[in-house]
Amino acid sequence: MRYRLRTQMILLAILPPLLWFGWTKYEAWRAEQERQRLFRSIGEAIAARGLENAAVWQAIRSLSQATRPPPADDLN
């Protein structure tokens, strides 16, 4: 065998948490990219209709900075 058991055990201990961490960061990045794409398309649609004014853009910015509400407690 090329690799010893000790090396394989180390890899089995390190790789799953590393993959989990990388996957969660990728999902967050992908969600952010989707959110930015959505707001860009909204901005382009508004500009195409000639509704480009400060109030509309301020509303879009406030939506993009809004935090999500916490999940509901279903423990009761």
C-alpha atoms as a PDB file:
ATOM      1  CA  MET A   1       0.000   0.000   0.000  1.00  0.00           C
ATOM      2  CA  ARG A   2       1.186   3.433  -0.805  1.00  0.00           C
ATOM      3  CA  TYR A   3      -0.296   5.261   2.201  1.00  0.00           C
ATOM      4  CA  ARG A   4      -0.128   4.072   5.771  1.00  0.00           C
ATOM      5  CA  LEU A   5      -3.152   3.728   7.981  1.00  0.00           C
ATOM      6  CA  ARG A   6      -2.065   6.713  10.075  1.00  0.00           C
ATOM      7  CA  THR A   7      -2.160   9.003   7.012  1.00  0.00           C
ATOM      8  CA  GLN A   8      -5.609   7.773   6.045  1.00  0.00           C
ATOM      9  CA  MET A   9      -6.937   8.332   9.558  1.00  0.00           C
ATOM     10  CA  ILE A  10      -5.596  11.878   9.583  1.00  0.00           C
ATOM     11  CA  LEU A  11      -7.308  12.576   6.255  1.00  0.00           C
ATOM     12  CA  LEU A  12     -10.565  11.078   7.504  1.00  0.00           C
ATOM     13  CA  ALA A  13     -10.398  13.365  10.535  1.00  0.00           C
ATOM     14  CA  ILE A  14      -9.575  16.553   8.587  1.00  0.00           C
ATOM     15  CA  LEU A  15     -11.425  16.317   5.278  1.00  0.00           C
ATOM     16  CA  PRO A  16     -15.111  16.165   6.365  1.00  0.00           C
ATOM     17  CA  PRO A  17     -15.002  19.395   8.452  1.00  0.00           C
ATOM     18  CA  LEU A  18     -12.940  21.066   5.744  1.00  0.00           C
ATOM     19  CA  LEU A  19     -15.458  20.080   3.061  1.00  0.00           C
ATOM     20  CA  TRP A  20     -18.368  21.229   5.250  1.00  0.00           C
ATOM     21  CA  PHE A  21     -16.724  24.608   5.888  1.00  0.00           C
ATOM     22  CA  GLY A  22     -15.969  25.109   2.188  1.00  0.00           C
ATOM     23  CA  TRP A  23     -19.485  24.100   1.136  1.00  0.00           C
ATOM     24  CA  THR A  24     -21.182  26.513   3.586  1.00  0.00           C
ATOM     25  CA  LYS A  25     -18.959  29.376   2.376  1.00  0.00           C
ATOM     26  CA  TYR A  26     -19.781  28.479  -1.231  1.00  0.00           C
ATOM     27  CA  GLU A  27     -23.536  28.457  -0.501  1.00  0.00           C
ATOM     28  CA  ALA A  28     -23.310  31.889   1.143  1.00  0.00           C
ATOM     29  CA  TRP A  29     -21.327  33.223  -1.814  1.00  0.00           C
ATOM     30  CA  ARG A  30     -23.804  31.756  -4.294  1.00  0.00           C
ATOM     31  CA  ALA A  31     -26.790  33.266  -2.423  1.00  0.00           C
ATOM     32  CA  GLU A  32     -25.096  36.670  -2.398  1.00  0.00           C
ATOM     33  CA  GLN A  33     -24.415  36.450  -6.133  1.00  0.00           C
ATOM     34  CA  GLU A  34     -28.066  35.569  -6.765  1.00  0.00           C
ATOM     35  CA  ARG A  35     -29.239  38.479  -4.596  1.00  0.00           C
ATOM     36  CA  GLN A  36     -26.984  40.913  -6.461  1.00  0.00           C
ATOM     37  CA  ARG A  37     -28.183  39.572  -9.814  1.00  0.00           C
ATOM     38  CA  LEU A  38     -31.797  40.064  -8.735  1.00  0.00           C
ATOM     39  CA  PHE A  39     -31.242  43.669  -7.692  1.00  0.00           C
ATOM     40  CA  ARG A  40     -29.321  44.402 -10.887  1.00  0.00           C
ATOM     41  CA  SER A  41     -32.214  43.064 -12.964  1.00  0.00           C
ATOM     42  CA  ILE A  42     -34.709  45.124 -10.933  1.00  0.00           C
ATOM     43  CA  GLY A  43     -32.573  48.225 -11.487  1.00  0.00           C
ATOM     44  CA  GLU A  44     -32.367  47.555 -15.213  1.00  0.00           C
ATOM     45  CA  ALA A  45     -36.135  47.071 -15.439  1.00  0.00           C
ATOM     46  CA  ILE A  46     -36.762  50.330 -13.590  1.00  0.00           C
ATOM     47  CA  ALA A  47     -34.290  52.192 -15.787  1.00  0.00           C
ATOM     48  CA  ALA A  48     -35.916  50.750 -18.930  1.00  0.00           C
ATOM     49  CA  ARG A  49     -39.297  52.119 -17.859  1.00  0.00           C
ATOM     50  CA  GLY A  50     -37.874  55.548 -17.110  1.00  0.00           C
ATOM     51  CA  LEU A  51     -38.619  55.398 -13.399  1.00  0.00           C
ATOM     52  CA  GLU A  52     -35.100  56.303 -12.412  1.00  0.00           C
ATOM     53  CA  ASN A  53     -35.465  58.565  -9.413  1.00  0.00           C
ATOM     54  CA  ALA A  54     -33.897  58.788  -5.986  1.00  0.00           C
ATOM     55  CA  ALA A  55     -36.869  57.346  -4.069  1.00  0.00           C
ATOM     56  CA  VAL A  56     -36.972  54.129  -6.097  1.00  0.00           C
ATOM     57  CA  TRP A  57     -33.236  53.570  -5.807  1.00  0.00           C
ATOM     58  CA  GLN A  58     -33.351  54.309  -2.095  1.00  0.00           C
ATOM     59  CA  ALA A  59     -36.076  51.672  -1.691  1.00  0.00           C
ATOM     60  CA  ILE A  60     -33.970  49.118  -3.560  1.00  0.00           C
ATOM     61  CA  ARG A  61     -30.935  49.905  -1.411  1.00  0.00           C
ATOM     62  CA  SER A  62     -32.946  49.605   1.783  1.00  0.00           C
ATOM     63  CA  LEU A  63     -34.278  46.217   0.672  1.00  0.00           C
ATOM     64  CA  SER A  64     -30.779  44.975  -0.083  1.00  0.00           C
ATOM     65  CA  GLN A  65     -29.561  45.998   3.370  1.00  0.00           C
ATOM     66  CA  ALA A  66     -32.544  44.693   5.324  1.00  0.00           C
ATOM     67  CA  THR A  67     -31.904  41.804   7.660  1.00  0.00           C
ATOM     68  CA  ARG A  68     -34.020  38.710   7.566  1.00  0.00           C
ATOM     69  CA  PRO A  69     -36.389  38.047  10.454  1.00  0.00           C
ATOM     70  CA  PRO A  70     -35.368  35.270  12.834  1.00  0.00           C
ATOM     71  CA  PRO A  71     -36.979  31.856  12.287  1.00  0.00           C
ATOM     72  CA  ALA A  72     -40.177  31.140  14.182  1.00  0.00           C
ATOM     73  CA  ASP A  73     -39.983  29.071  17.328  1.00  0.00           C
ATOM     74  CA  ASP A  74     -41.917  25.833  16.909  1.00  0.00           C
ATOM     75  CA  LEU A  75     -40.989  24.540  20.342  1.00  0.00           C
ATOM     76  CA  ASN A  76     -44.362  25.361  21.970  1.00  0.00           C
END
